[in-house]
Amino acid sequence: MIHAFAALLALQLLGELLVHAFGLPLPGALLGMLLLFAGLLVIGRVPDALNRTAGTLLQNMMLLFVPAVTGVMVHFHRVAKEWQPFLVACVVGAVVTLAVTALTLNWLLKRMAPAR
């Protein structure tokens, strides 16, 4: 499990290094995830240790959001002053997420339905 966690951190670090080295306009963590995805496509499966490690991280995801929420509270005065854009972003983000999820589910159900 520790090796899989180290691999995840190494890919995130590699993503950060590539973003800074080439001045790419995207987060390093995203590039790291894309590198992970490409690697998994190449080997054609998810190693068991990586699957268990990712599952553990997903089960404890709420704990990982605590520092971010705390950081937002440090800037509460700004959030209180500029709450309208935050509200619009949250509502639009939720609507887009629901729509994409519904369309994806609909597409998957049609694809998996037996041919008549």
PDB file of N, CA and C in Angstrom:
ATOM      1  N   MET A   1       0.823  -1.194   0.000  1.00  0.00           N
ATOM      2  CA  MET A   1       0.000   0.000   0.000  1.00  0.00           C
ATOM      3  C   MET A   1       0.869   1.261   0.000  1.00  0.00           C
ATOM      4  N   ILE A   2       1.970   1.217   0.742  1.00  0.00           N
ATOM      5  CA  ILE A   2       2.839   2.396   0.814  1.00  0.00           C
ATOM      6  C   ILE A   2       3.502   2.657  -0.541  1.00  0.00           C
ATOM      7  N   HIS A   3       3.798   1.591  -1.291  1.00  0.00           N
ATOM      8  CA  HIS A   3       4.415   1.786  -2.610  1.00  0.00           C
ATOM      9  C   HIS A   3       3.432   2.438  -3.581  1.00  0.00           C
ATOM     10  N   ALA A   4       2.172   2.030  -3.509  1.00  0.00           N
ATOM     11  CA  ALA A   4       1.156   2.627  -4.383  1.00  0.00           C
ATOM     12  C   ALA A   4       0.931   4.091  -4.017  1.00  0.00           C
ATOM     13  N   PHE A   5       0.919   4.390  -2.718  1.00  0.00           N
ATOM     14  CA  PHE A   5       0.757   5.774  -2.280  1.00  0.00           C
ATOM     15  C   PHE A   5       1.949   6.611  -2.744  1.00  0.00           C
ATOM     16  N   ALA A   6       3.151   6.052  -2.636  1.00  0.00           N
ATOM     17  CA  ALA A   6       4.349   6.751  -3.104  1.00  0.00           C
ATOM     18  C   ALA A   6       4.283   6.975  -4.614  1.00  0.00           C
ATOM     19  N   ALA A   7       3.748   6.008  -5.348  1.00  0.00           N
ATOM     20  CA  ALA A   7       3.613   6.169  -6.801  1.00  0.00           C
ATOM     21  C   ALA A   7       2.638   7.296  -7.130  1.00  0.00           C
ATOM     22  N   LEU A   8       1.530   7.379  -6.389  1.00  0.00           N
ATOM     23  CA  LEU A   8       0.573   8.470  -6.609  1.00  0.00           C
ATOM     24  C   LEU A   8       1.217   9.825  -6.335  1.00  0.00           C
ATOM     25  N   LEU A   9       1.960   9.912  -5.241  1.00  0.00           N
ATOM     26  CA  LEU A   9       2.638  11.172  -4.917  1.00  0.00           C
ATOM     27  C   LEU A   9       3.716  11.504  -5.945  1.00  0.00           C
ATOM     28  N   ALA A  10       4.425  10.488  -6.416  1.00  0.00           N
ATOM     29  CA  ALA A  10       5.467  10.719  -7.421  1.00  0.00           C
ATOM     30  C   ALA A  10       4.864  11.234  -8.729  1.00  0.00           C
ATOM     31  N   LEU A  11       3.716  10.692  -9.114  1.00  0.00           N
ATOM     32  CA  LEU A  11       3.065  11.171 -10.337  1.00  0.00           C
ATOM     33  C   LEU A  11       2.552  12.594 -10.166  1.00  0.00           C
ATOM     34  N   GLN A  12       2.066  12.920  -8.978  1.00  0.00           N
ATOM     35  CA  GLN A  12       1.637  14.300  -8.735  1.00  0.00           C
ATOM     36  C   GLN A  12       2.841  15.236  -8.796  1.00  0.00           C
ATOM     37  N   LEU A  13       3.944  14.832  -8.190  1.00  0.00           N
ATOM     38  CA  LEU A  13       5.158  15.642  -8.235  1.00  0.00           C
ATOM     39  C   LEU A  13       5.657  15.798  -9.669  1.00  0.00           C
ATOM     40  N   LEU A  14       5.635  14.719 -10.433  1.00  0.00           N
ATOM     41  CA  LEU A  14       6.059  14.794 -11.831  1.00  0.00           C
ATOM     42  C   LEU A  14       5.165  15.751 -12.616  1.00  0.00           C
ATOM     43  N   GLY A  15       3.864  15.692 -12.351  1.00  0.00           N
ATOM     44  CA  GLY A  15       2.941  16.623 -13.000  1.00  0.00           C
ATOM     45  C   GLY A  15       3.266  18.062 -12.657  1.00  0.00           C
ATOM     46  N   GLU A  16       3.539  18.328 -11.372  1.00  0.00           N
ATOM     47  CA  GLU A  16       3.904  19.689 -10.946  1.00  0.00           C
ATOM     48  C   GLU A  16       5.195  20.142 -11.621  1.00  0.00           C
ATOM     49  N   LEU A  17       6.183  19.262 -11.671  1.00  0.00           N
ATOM     50  CA  LEU A  17       7.462  19.615 -12.298  1.00  0.00           C
ATOM     51  C   LEU A  17       7.290  19.923 -13.786  1.00  0.00           C
ATOM     52  N   LEU A  18       6.495  19.112 -14.481  1.00  0.00           N
ATOM     53  CA  LEU A  18       6.273  19.349 -15.910  1.00  0.00           C
ATOM     54  C   LEU A  18       5.525  20.655 -16.155  1.00  0.00           C
ATOM     55  N   VAL A  19       4.545  20.953 -15.304  1.00  0.00           N
ATOM     56  CA  VAL A  19       3.797  22.208 -15.453  1.00  0.00           C
ATOM     57  C   VAL A  19       4.725  23.400 -15.277  1.00  0.00           C
ATOM     58  N   HIS A  20       5.574  23.341 -14.252  1.00  0.00           N
ATOM     59  CA  HIS A  20       6.488  24.464 -14.011  1.00  0.00           C
ATOM     60  C   HIS A  20       7.593  24.533 -15.066  1.00  0.00           C
ATOM     61  N   ALA A  21       8.070  23.387 -15.528  1.00  0.00           N
ATOM     62  CA  ALA A  21       9.152  23.379 -16.512  1.00  0.00           C
ATOM     63  C   ALA A  21       8.695  23.913 -17.869  1.00  0.00           C
ATOM     64  N   PHE A  22       7.470  23.572 -18.259  1.00  0.00           N
ATOM     65  CA  PHE A  22       6.988  23.963 -19.582  1.00  0.00           C
ATOM     66  C   PHE A  22       5.972  25.094 -19.549  1.00  0.00           C
ATOM     67  N   GLY A  23       5.668  25.611 -18.361  1.00  0.00           N
ATOM     68  CA  GLY A  23       4.718  26.713 -18.243  1.00  0.00           C
ATOM     69  C   GLY A  23       3.322  26.358 -18.728  1.00  0.00           C
ATOM     70  N   LEU A  24       2.897  25.146 -18.466  1.00  0.00           N
ATOM     71  CA  LEU A  24       1.580  24.694 -18.924  1.00  0.00           C
ATOM     72  C   LEU A  24       0.469  25.350 -18.106  1.00  0.00           C
ATOM     73  N   PRO A  25      -0.635  25.702 -18.746  1.00  0.00           N
ATOM     74  CA  PRO A  25      -1.718  26.402 -18.045  1.00  0.00           C
ATOM     75  C   PRO A  25      -2.732  25.451 -17.403  1.00  0.00           C
ATOM     76  N   LEU A  26      -2.256  24.454 -16.652  1.00  0.00           N
ATOM     77  CA  LEU A  26      -3.153  23.546 -15.958  1.00  0.00           C
ATOM     78  C   LEU A  26      -2.517  23.110 -14.648  1.00  0.00           C
ATOM     79  N   PRO A  27      -3.320  22.636 -13.709  1.00  0.00           N
ATOM     80  CA  PRO A  27      -2.761  22.223 -12.420  1.00  0.00           C
ATOM     81  C   PRO A  27      -1.858  21.000 -12.563  1.00  0.00           C
ATOM     82  N   GLY A  28      -0.793  20.992 -11.796  1.00  0.00           N
ATOM     83  CA  GLY A  28       0.132  19.869 -11.828  1.00  0.00           C
ATOM     84  C   GLY A  28      -0.513  18.568 -11.396  1.00  0.00           C
ATOM     85  N   ALA A  29      -1.437  18.641 -10.434  1.00  0.00           N
ATOM     86  CA  ALA A  29      -2.122  17.432  -9.979  1.00  0.00           C
ATOM     87  C   ALA A  29      -2.947  16.821 -11.111  1.00  0.00           C
ATOM     88  N   LEU A  30      -3.546  17.667 -11.942  1.00  0.00           N
ATOM     89  CA  LEU A  30      -4.322  17.163 -13.081  1.00  0.00           C
ATOM     90  C   LEU A  30      -3.408  16.461 -14.078  1.00  0.00           C
ATOM     91  N   LEU A  31      -2.267  17.050 -14.358  1.00  0.00           N
ATOM     92  CA  LEU A  31      -1.319  16.413 -15.270  1.00  0.00           C
ATOM     93  C   LEU A  31      -0.836  15.088 -14.682  1.00  0.00           C
ATOM     94  N   GLY A  32      -0.615  15.061 -13.373  1.00  0.00           N
ATOM     95  CA  GLY A  32      -0.232  13.813 -12.714  1.00  0.00           C
ATOM     96  C   GLY A  32      -1.298  12.740 -12.867  1.00  0.00           C
ATOM     97  N   MET A  33      -2.573  13.128 -12.735  1.00  0.00           N
ATOM     98  CA  MET A  33      -3.663  12.163 -12.923  1.00  0.00           C
ATOM     99  C   MET A  33      -3.722  11.675 -14.363  1.00  0.00           C
ATOM    100  N   LEU A  34      -3.463  12.575 -15.308  1.00  0.00           N
ATOM    101  CA  LEU A  34      -3.450  12.162 -16.714  1.00  0.00           C
ATOM    102  C   LEU A  34      -2.303  11.189 -16.987  1.00  0.00           C
ATOM    103  N   LEU A  35      -1.164  11.418 -16.351  1.00  0.00           N
ATOM    104  CA  LEU A  35      -0.043  10.486 -16.485  1.00  0.00           C
ATOM    105  C   LEU A  35      -0.399   9.125 -15.884  1.00  0.00           C
ATOM    106  N   LEU A  36      -1.075   9.138 -14.735  1.00  0.00           N
ATOM    107  CA  LEU A  36      -1.530   7.891 -14.117  1.00  0.00           C
ATOM    108  C   LEU A  36      -2.492   7.163 -15.050  1.00  0.00           C
ATOM    109  N   PHE A  37      -3.445   7.899 -15.611  1.00  0.00           N
ATOM    110  CA  PHE A  37      -4.416   7.308 -16.532  1.00  0.00           C
ATOM    111  C   PHE A  37      -3.715   6.690 -17.740  1.00  0.00           C
ATOM    112  N   ALA A  38      -2.754   7.419 -18.305  1.00  0.00           N
ATOM    113  CA  ALA A  38      -2.013   6.898 -19.461  1.00  0.00           C
ATOM    114  C   ALA A  38      -1.251   5.628 -19.085  1.00  0.00           C
ATOM    115  N   GLY A  39      -0.638   5.635 -17.913  1.00  0.00           N
ATOM    116  CA  GLY A  39       0.079   4.445 -17.463  1.00  0.00           C
ATOM    117  C   GLY A  39      -0.838   3.249 -17.274  1.00  0.00           C
ATOM    118  N   LEU A  40      -2.020   3.493 -16.727  1.00  0.00           N
ATOM    119  CA  LEU A  40      -2.978   2.401 -16.536  1.00  0.00           C
ATOM    120  C   LEU A  40      -3.497   1.881 -17.872  1.00  0.00           C
ATOM    121  N   LEU A  41      -3.651   2.789 -18.849  1.00  0.00           N
ATOM    122  CA  LEU A  41      -4.058   2.340 -20.183  1.00  0.00           C
ATOM    123  C   LEU A  41      -2.984   1.458 -20.813  1.00  0.00           C
ATOM    124  N   VAL A  42      -1.731   1.813 -20.587  1.00  0.00           N
ATOM    125  CA  VAL A  42      -0.628   1.045 -21.173  1.00  0.00           C
ATOM    126  C   VAL A  42      -0.579  -0.363 -20.583  1.00  0.00           C
ATOM    127  N   ILE A  43      -0.706  -0.470 -19.248  1.00  0.00           N
ATOM    128  CA  ILE A  43      -0.620  -1.809 -18.649  1.00  0.00           C
ATOM    129  C   ILE A  43      -1.947  -2.566 -18.737  1.00  0.00           C
ATOM    130  N   GLY A  44      -3.029  -1.847 -19.002  1.00  0.00           N
ATOM    131  CA  GLY A  44      -4.300  -2.505 -19.246  1.00  0.00           C
ATOM    132  C   GLY A  44      -5.080  -2.956 -18.028  1.00  0.00           C
ATOM    133  N   ARG A  45      -4.641  -2.595 -16.847  1.00  0.00           N
ATOM    134  CA  ARG A  45      -5.359  -2.976 -15.626  1.00  0.00           C
ATOM    135  C   ARG A  45      -4.927  -2.066 -14.488  1.00  0.00           C
ATOM    136  N   VAL A  46      -5.679  -2.118 -13.394  1.00  0.00           N
ATOM    137  CA  VAL A  46      -5.313  -1.365 -12.196  1.00  0.00           C
ATOM    138  C   VAL A  46      -4.683  -2.352 -11.215  1.00  0.00           C
ATOM    139  N   PRO A  47      -3.429  -2.152 -10.836  1.00  0.00           N
ATOM    140  CA  PRO A  47      -2.807  -3.057  -9.865  1.00  0.00           C
ATOM    141  C   PRO A  47      -3.600  -3.089  -8.555  1.00  0.00           C
ATOM    142  N   ASP A  48      -3.631  -4.254  -7.920  1.00  0.00           N
ATOM    143  CA  ASP A  48      -4.414  -4.422  -6.691  1.00  0.00           C
ATOM    144  C   ASP A  48      -4.007  -3.431  -5.609  1.00  0.00           C
ATOM    145  N   ALA A  49      -2.707  -3.218  -5.431  1.00  0.00           N
ATOM    146  CA  ALA A  49      -2.245  -2.295  -4.385  1.00  0.00           C
ATOM    147  C   ALA A  49      -2.732  -0.876  -4.663  1.00  0.00           C
ATOM    148  N   LEU A  50      -2.700  -0.467  -5.908  1.00  0.00           N
ATOM    149  CA  LEU A  50      -3.176   0.868  -6.273  1.00  0.00           C
ATOM    150  C   LEU A  50      -4.686   0.971  -6.072  1.00  0.00           C
ATOM    151  N   ASN A  51      -5.408  -0.078  -6.399  1.00  0.00           N
ATOM    152  CA  ASN A  51      -6.854  -0.096  -6.210  1.00  0.00           C
ATOM    153  C   ASN A  51      -7.207   0.032  -4.727  1.00  0.00           C
ATOM    154  N   ARG A  52      -6.510  -0.698  -3.870  1.00  0.00           N
ATOM    155  CA  ARG A  52      -6.763  -0.613  -2.421  1.00  0.00           C
ATOM    156  C   ARG A  52      -6.398   0.763  -1.876  1.00  0.00           C
ATOM    157  N   THR A  53      -5.272   1.297  -2.315  1.00  0.00           N
ATOM    158  CA  THR A  53      -4.837   2.612  -1.841  1.00  0.00           C
ATOM    159  C   THR A  53      -5.809   3.695  -2.273  1.00  0.00           C
ATOM    160  N   ALA A  54      -6.224   3.665  -3.523  1.00  0.00           N
ATOM    161  CA  ALA A  54      -7.188   4.657  -4.014  1.00  0.00           C
ATOM    162  C   ALA A  54      -8.514   4.525  -3.280  1.00  0.00           C
ATOM    163  N   GLY A  55      -8.931   3.295  -3.002  1.00  0.00           N
ATOM    164  CA  GLY A  55     -10.166   3.083  -2.247  1.00  0.00           C
ATOM    165  C   GLY A  55     -10.092   3.674  -0.854  1.00  0.00           C
ATOM    166  N   THR A  56      -8.962   3.497  -0.195  1.00  0.00           N
ATOM    167  CA  THR A  56      -8.773   4.067   1.141  1.00  0.00           C
ATOM    168  C   THR A  56      -8.811   5.589   1.090  1.00  0.00           C
ATOM    169  N   LEU A  57      -8.154   6.175   0.105  1.00  0.00           N
ATOM    170  CA  LEU A  57      -8.174   7.633  -0.036  1.00  0.00           C
ATOM    171  C   LEU A  57      -9.586   8.141  -0.306  1.00  0.00           C
ATOM    172  N   LEU A  58     -10.334   7.442  -1.138  1.00  0.00           N
ATOM    173  CA  LEU A  58     -11.704   7.860  -1.440  1.00  0.00           C
ATOM    174  C   LEU A  58     -12.610   7.732  -0.221  1.00  0.00           C
ATOM    175  N   GLN A  59     -12.402   6.695   0.594  1.00  0.00           N
ATOM    176  CA  GLN A  59     -13.215   6.518   1.796  1.00  0.00           C
ATOM    177  C   GLN A  59     -12.979   7.642   2.795  1.00  0.00           C
ATOM    178  N   ASN A  60     -11.803   8.218   2.789  1.00  0.00           N
ATOM    179  CA  ASN A  60     -11.455   9.268   3.744  1.00  0.00           C
ATOM    180  C   ASN A  60     -11.358  10.639   3.087  1.00  0.00           C
ATOM    181  N   MET A  61     -12.026  10.814   1.972  1.00  0.00           N
ATOM    182  CA  MET A  61     -11.911  12.050   1.205  1.00  0.00           C
ATOM    183  C   MET A  61     -12.349  13.281   1.998  1.00  0.00           C
ATOM    184  N   MET A  62     -13.377  13.145   2.831  1.00  0.00           N
ATOM    185  CA  MET A  62     -13.862  14.305   3.585  1.00  0.00           C
ATOM    186  C   MET A  62     -12.758  14.892   4.469  1.00  0.00           C
ATOM    187  N   LEU A  63     -11.911  14.043   5.025  1.00  0.00           N
ATOM    188  CA  LEU A  63     -10.803  14.546   5.842  1.00  0.00           C
ATOM    189  C   LEU A  63      -9.820  15.362   5.010  1.00  0.00           C
ATOM    190  N   LEU A  64      -9.700  15.021   3.739  1.00  0.00           N
ATOM    191  CA  LEU A  64      -8.766  15.731   2.876  1.00  0.00           C
ATOM    192  C   LEU A  64      -9.265  17.124   2.500  1.00  0.00           C
ATOM    193  N   PHE A  65     -10.585  17.378   2.665  1.00  0.00           N
ATOM    194  CA  PHE A  65     -11.134  18.691   2.349  1.00  0.00           C
ATOM    195  C   PHE A  65     -11.021  19.670   3.513  1.00  0.00           C
ATOM    196  N   VAL A  66     -10.737  19.197   4.718  1.00  0.00           N
ATOM    197  CA  VAL A  66     -10.689  20.077   5.891  1.00  0.00           C
ATOM    198  C   VAL A  66      -9.686  21.218   5.706  1.00  0.00           C
ATOM    199  N   PRO A  67      -8.454  20.975   5.257  1.00  0.00           N
ATOM    200  CA  PRO A  67      -7.530  22.110   5.076  1.00  0.00           C
ATOM    201  C   PRO A  67      -8.033  23.138   4.065  1.00  0.00           C
ATOM    202  N   ALA A  68      -8.672  22.691   3.000  1.00  0.00           N
ATOM    203  CA  ALA A  68      -9.181  23.637   1.998  1.00  0.00           C
ATOM    204  C   ALA A  68     -10.296  24.494   2.578  1.00  0.00           C
ATOM    205  N   VAL A  69     -11.199  23.879   3.326  1.00  0.00           N
ATOM    206  CA  VAL A  69     -12.296  24.633   3.936  1.00  0.00           C
ATOM    207  C   VAL A  69     -11.749  25.605   4.970  1.00  0.00           C
ATOM    208  N   THR A  70     -10.759  25.178   5.727  1.00  0.00           N
ATOM    209  CA  THR A  70     -10.133  26.065   6.700  1.00  0.00           C
ATOM    210  C   THR A  70      -9.481  27.250   6.002  1.00  0.00           C
ATOM    211  N   GLY A  71      -8.848  27.000   4.869  1.00  0.00           N
ATOM    212  CA  GLY A  71      -8.237  28.084   4.103  1.00  0.00           C
ATOM    213  C   GLY A  71      -9.262  29.082   3.595  1.00  0.00           C
ATOM    214  N   VAL A  72     -10.445  28.594   3.220  1.00  0.00           N
ATOM    215  CA  VAL A  72     -11.506  29.503   2.781  1.00  0.00           C
ATOM    216  C   VAL A  72     -11.945  30.379   3.945  1.00  0.00           C
ATOM    217  N   MET A  73     -12.026  29.810   5.130  1.00  0.00           N
ATOM    218  CA  MET A  73     -12.480  30.576   6.293  1.00  0.00           C
ATOM    219  C   MET A  73     -11.477  31.671   6.678  1.00  0.00           C
ATOM    220  N   VAL A  74     -10.214  31.486   6.338  1.00  0.00           N
ATOM    221  CA  VAL A  74      -9.222  32.531   6.591  1.00  0.00           C
ATOM    222  C   VAL A  74      -9.569  33.780   5.780  1.00  0.00           C
ATOM    223  N   HIS A  75     -10.140  33.578   4.605  1.00  0.00           N
ATOM    224  CA  HIS A  75     -10.519  34.684   3.727  1.00  0.00           C
ATOM    225  C   HIS A  75     -12.022  34.939   3.761  1.00  0.00           C
ATOM    226  N   PHE A  76     -12.667  34.687   4.898  1.00  0.00           N
ATOM    227  CA  PHE A  76     -14.122  34.813   4.998  1.00  0.00           C
ATOM    228  C   PHE A  76     -14.593  36.228   4.684  1.00  0.00           C
ATOM    229  N   HIS A  77     -13.825  37.242   5.069  1.00  0.00           N
ATOM    230  CA  HIS A  77     -14.228  38.622   4.792  1.00  0.00           C
ATOM    231  C   HIS A  77     -14.409  38.860   3.292  1.00  0.00           C
ATOM    232  N   ARG A  78     -13.537  38.261   2.498  1.00  0.00           N
ATOM    233  CA  ARG A  78     -13.651  38.408   1.045  1.00  0.00           C
ATOM    234  C   ARG A  78     -14.841  37.617   0.505  1.00  0.00           C
ATOM    235  N   VAL A  79     -15.040  36.421   1.043  1.00  0.00           N
ATOM    236  CA  VAL A  79     -16.181  35.608   0.618  1.00  0.00           C
ATOM    237  C   VAL A  79     -17.484  36.320   0.964  1.00  0.00           C
ATOM    238  N   ALA A  80     -17.547  36.927   2.149  1.00  0.00           N
ATOM    239  CA  ALA A  80     -18.759  37.637   2.565  1.00  0.00           C
ATOM    240  C   ALA A  80     -19.024  38.842   1.663  1.00  0.00           C
ATOM    241  N   LYS A  81     -17.955  39.472   1.207  1.00  0.00           N
ATOM    242  CA  LYS A  81     -18.095  40.655   0.360  1.00  0.00           C
ATOM    243  C   LYS A  81     -18.452  40.285  -1.084  1.00  0.00           C
ATOM    244  N   GLU A  82     -17.967  39.149  -1.554  1.00  0.00           N
ATOM    245  CA  GLU A  82     -18.165  38.743  -2.945  1.00  0.00           C
ATOM    246  C   GLU A  82     -18.918  37.418  -3.025  1.00  0.00           C
ATOM    247  N   TRP A  83     -20.020  37.275  -2.291  1.00  0.00           N
ATOM    248  CA  TRP A  83     -20.733  36.004  -2.209  1.00  0.00           C
ATOM    249  C   TRP A  83     -21.503  35.655  -3.476  1.00  0.00           C
ATOM    250  N   GLN A  84     -21.911  36.654  -4.268  1.00  0.00           N
ATOM    251  CA  GLN A  84     -22.720  36.365  -5.452  1.00  0.00           C
ATOM    252  C   GLN A  84     -21.985  35.479  -6.476  1.00  0.00           C
ATOM    253  N   PRO A  85     -20.740  35.793  -6.842  1.00  0.00           N
ATOM    254  CA  PRO A  85     -20.053  34.900  -7.792  1.00  0.00           C
ATOM    255  C   PRO A  85     -19.870  33.484  -7.243  1.00  0.00           C
ATOM    256  N   PHE A  86     -19.626  33.371  -5.942  1.00  0.00           N
ATOM    257  CA  PHE A  86     -19.488  32.045  -5.341  1.00  0.00           C
ATOM    258  C   PHE A  86     -20.795  31.268  -5.447  1.00  0.00           C
ATOM    259  N   LEU A  87     -21.907  31.936  -5.168  1.00  0.00           N
ATOM    260  CA  LEU A  87     -23.213  31.289  -5.245  1.00  0.00           C
ATOM    261  C   LEU A  87     -23.518  30.857  -6.680  1.00  0.00           C
ATOM    262  N   VAL A  88     -23.270  31.740  -7.635  1.00  0.00           N
ATOM    263  CA  VAL A  88     -23.517  31.404  -9.042  1.00  0.00           C
ATOM    264  C   VAL A  88     -22.640  30.223  -9.463  1.00  0.00           C
ATOM    265  N   ALA A  89     -21.375  30.243  -9.083  1.00  0.00           N
ATOM    266  CA  ALA A  89     -20.472  29.146  -9.443  1.00  0.00           C
ATOM    267  C   ALA A  89     -20.940  27.826  -8.841  1.00  0.00           C
ATOM    268  N   CYS A  90     -21.397  27.851  -7.597  1.00  0.00           N
ATOM    269  CA  CYS A  90     -21.878  26.622  -6.950  1.00  0.00           C
ATOM    270  C   CYS A  90     -23.135  26.094  -7.631  1.00  0.00           C
ATOM    271  N   VAL A  91     -24.082  26.970  -7.914  1.00  0.00           N
ATOM    272  CA  VAL A  91     -25.339  26.538  -8.541  1.00  0.00           C
ATOM    273  C   VAL A  91     -25.079  26.026  -9.956  1.00  0.00           C
ATOM    274  N   VAL A  92     -24.334  26.783 -10.747  1.00  0.00           N
ATOM    275  CA  VAL A  92     -24.044  26.360 -12.121  1.00  0.00           C
ATOM    276  C   VAL A  92     -23.245  25.057 -12.113  1.00  0.00           C
ATOM    277  N   GLY A  93     -22.269  24.960 -11.229  1.00  0.00           N
ATOM    278  CA  GLY A  93     -21.486  23.726 -11.132  1.00  0.00           C
ATOM    279  C   GLY A  93     -22.345  22.526 -10.779  1.00  0.00           C
ATOM    280  N   ALA A  94     -23.276  22.703  -9.846  1.00  0.00           N
ATOM    281  CA  ALA A  94     -24.165  21.604  -9.461  1.00  0.00           C
ATOM    282  C   ALA A  94     -25.080  21.203 -10.613  1.00  0.00           C
ATOM    283  N   VAL A  95     -25.634  22.188 -11.316  1.00  0.00           N
ATOM    284  CA  VAL A  95     -26.535  21.891 -12.442  1.00  0.00           C
ATOM    285  C   VAL A  95     -25.776  21.179 -13.562  1.00  0.00           C
ATOM    286  N   VAL A  96     -24.591  21.660 -13.890  1.00  0.00           N
ATOM    287  CA  VAL A  96     -23.793  21.024 -14.945  1.00  0.00           C
ATOM    288  C   VAL A  96     -23.424  19.598 -14.538  1.00  0.00           C
ATOM    289  N   THR A  97     -23.036  19.405 -13.277  1.00  0.00           N
ATOM    290  CA  THR A  97     -22.687  18.069 -12.794  1.00  0.00           C
ATOM    291  C   THR A  97     -23.876  17.123 -12.896  1.00  0.00           C
ATOM    292  N   LEU A  98     -25.046  17.581 -12.467  1.00  0.00           N
ATOM    293  CA  LEU A  98     -26.245  16.743 -12.560  1.00  0.00           C
ATOM    294  C   LEU A  98     -26.586  16.414 -14.012  1.00  0.00           C
ATOM    295  N   ALA A  99     -26.488  17.399 -14.889  1.00  0.00           N
ATOM    296  CA  ALA A  99     -26.818  17.173 -16.297  1.00  0.00           C
ATOM    297  C   ALA A  99     -25.848  16.184 -16.942  1.00  0.00           C
ATOM    298  N   VAL A 100     -24.565  16.369 -16.716  1.00  0.00           N
ATOM    299  CA  VAL A 100     -23.571  15.465 -17.301  1.00  0.00           C
ATOM    300  C   VAL A 100     -23.743  14.056 -16.743  1.00  0.00           C
ATOM    301  N   THR A 101     -24.008  13.947 -15.447  1.00  0.00           N
ATOM    302  CA  THR A 101     -24.221  12.633 -14.845  1.00  0.00           C
ATOM    303  C   THR A 101     -25.450  11.956 -15.441  1.00  0.00           C
ATOM    304  N   ALA A 102     -26.545  12.702 -15.589  1.00  0.00           N
ATOM    305  CA  ALA A 102     -27.770  12.132 -16.165  1.00  0.00           C
ATOM    306  C   ALA A 102     -27.553  11.694 -17.606  1.00  0.00           C
ATOM    307  N   LEU A 103     -26.892  12.519 -18.399  1.00  0.00           N
ATOM    308  CA  LEU A 103     -26.636  12.165 -19.798  1.00  0.00           C
ATOM    309  C   LEU A 103     -25.714  10.950 -19.907  1.00  0.00           C
ATOM    310  N   THR A 104     -24.704  10.897 -19.048  1.00  0.00           N
ATOM    311  CA  THR A 104     -23.788   9.756 -19.056  1.00  0.00           C
ATOM    312  C   THR A 104     -24.515   8.476 -18.662  1.00  0.00           C
ATOM    313  N   LEU A 105     -25.338   8.543 -17.620  1.00  0.00           N
ATOM    314  CA  LEU A 105     -26.100   7.371 -17.191  1.00  0.00           C
ATOM    315  C   LEU A 105     -27.051   6.919 -18.295  1.00  0.00           C
ATOM    316  N   ASN A 106     -27.731   7.856 -18.920  1.00  0.00           N
ATOM    317  CA  ASN A 106     -28.644   7.526 -20.014  1.00  0.00           C
ATOM    318  C   ASN A 106     -27.898   6.844 -21.155  1.00  0.00           C
ATOM    319  N   TRP A 107     -26.746   7.377 -21.515  1.00  0.00           N
ATOM    320  CA  TRP A 107     -25.936   6.793 -22.582  1.00  0.00           C
ATOM    321  C   TRP A 107     -25.487   5.384 -22.215  1.00  0.00           C
ATOM    322  N   LEU A 108     -25.028   5.201 -20.963  1.00  0.00           N
ATOM    323  CA  LEU A 108     -24.574   3.879 -20.532  1.00  0.00           C
ATOM    324  C   LEU A 108     -25.715   2.871 -20.507  1.00  0.00           C
ATOM    325  N   LEU A 109     -26.888   3.291 -20.042  1.00  0.00           N
ATOM    326  CA  LEU A 109     -28.032   2.377 -20.005  1.00  0.00           C
ATOM    327  C   LEU A 109     -28.444   1.945 -21.409  1.00  0.00           C
ATOM    328  N   LYS A 110     -28.433   2.884 -22.359  1.00  0.00           N
ATOM    329  CA  LYS A 110     -28.763   2.530 -23.744  1.00  0.00           C
ATOM    330  C   LYS A 110     -27.715   1.590 -24.325  1.00  0.00           C
ATOM    331  N   ARG A 111     -26.479   1.820 -23.988  1.00  0.00           N
ATOM    332  CA  ARG A 111     -25.385   1.010 -24.523  1.00  0.00           C
ATOM    333  C   ARG A 111     -25.411  -0.407 -23.958  1.00  0.00           C
ATOM    334  N   MET A 112     -25.808  -0.534 -22.696  1.00  0.00           N
ATOM    335  CA  MET A 112     -25.800  -1.839 -22.040  1.00  0.00           C
ATOM    336  C   MET A 112     -27.104  -2.611 -22.236  1.00  0.00           C
ATOM    337  N   ALA A 113     -28.136  -1.959 -22.745  1.00  0.00           N
ATOM    338  CA  ALA A 113     -29.421  -2.633 -22.949  1.00  0.00           C
ATOM    339  C   ALA A 113     -29.275  -3.707 -24.026  1.00  0.00           C
ATOM    340  N   PRO A 114     -29.903  -4.856 -23.807  1.00  0.00           N
ATOM    341  CA  PRO A 114     -29.810  -5.910 -24.831  1.00  0.00           C
ATOM    342  C   PRO A 114     -30.521  -5.485 -26.116  1.00  0.00           C
ATOM    343  N   ALA A 115     -29.958  -5.897 -27.227  1.00  0.00           N
ATOM    344  CA  ALA A 115     -30.543  -5.557 -28.533  1.00  0.00           C
ATOM    345  C   ALA A 115     -31.882  -6.261 -28.690  1.00  0.00           C
ATOM    346  N   ARG A 116     -32.864  -5.550 -29.228  1.00  0.00           N
ATOM    347  CA  ARG A 116     -34.209  -6.145 -29.398  1.00  0.00           C
ATOM    348  C   ARG A 116     -34.409  -6.608 -30.807  1.00  0.00           C
TER     349      ARG A 116
END
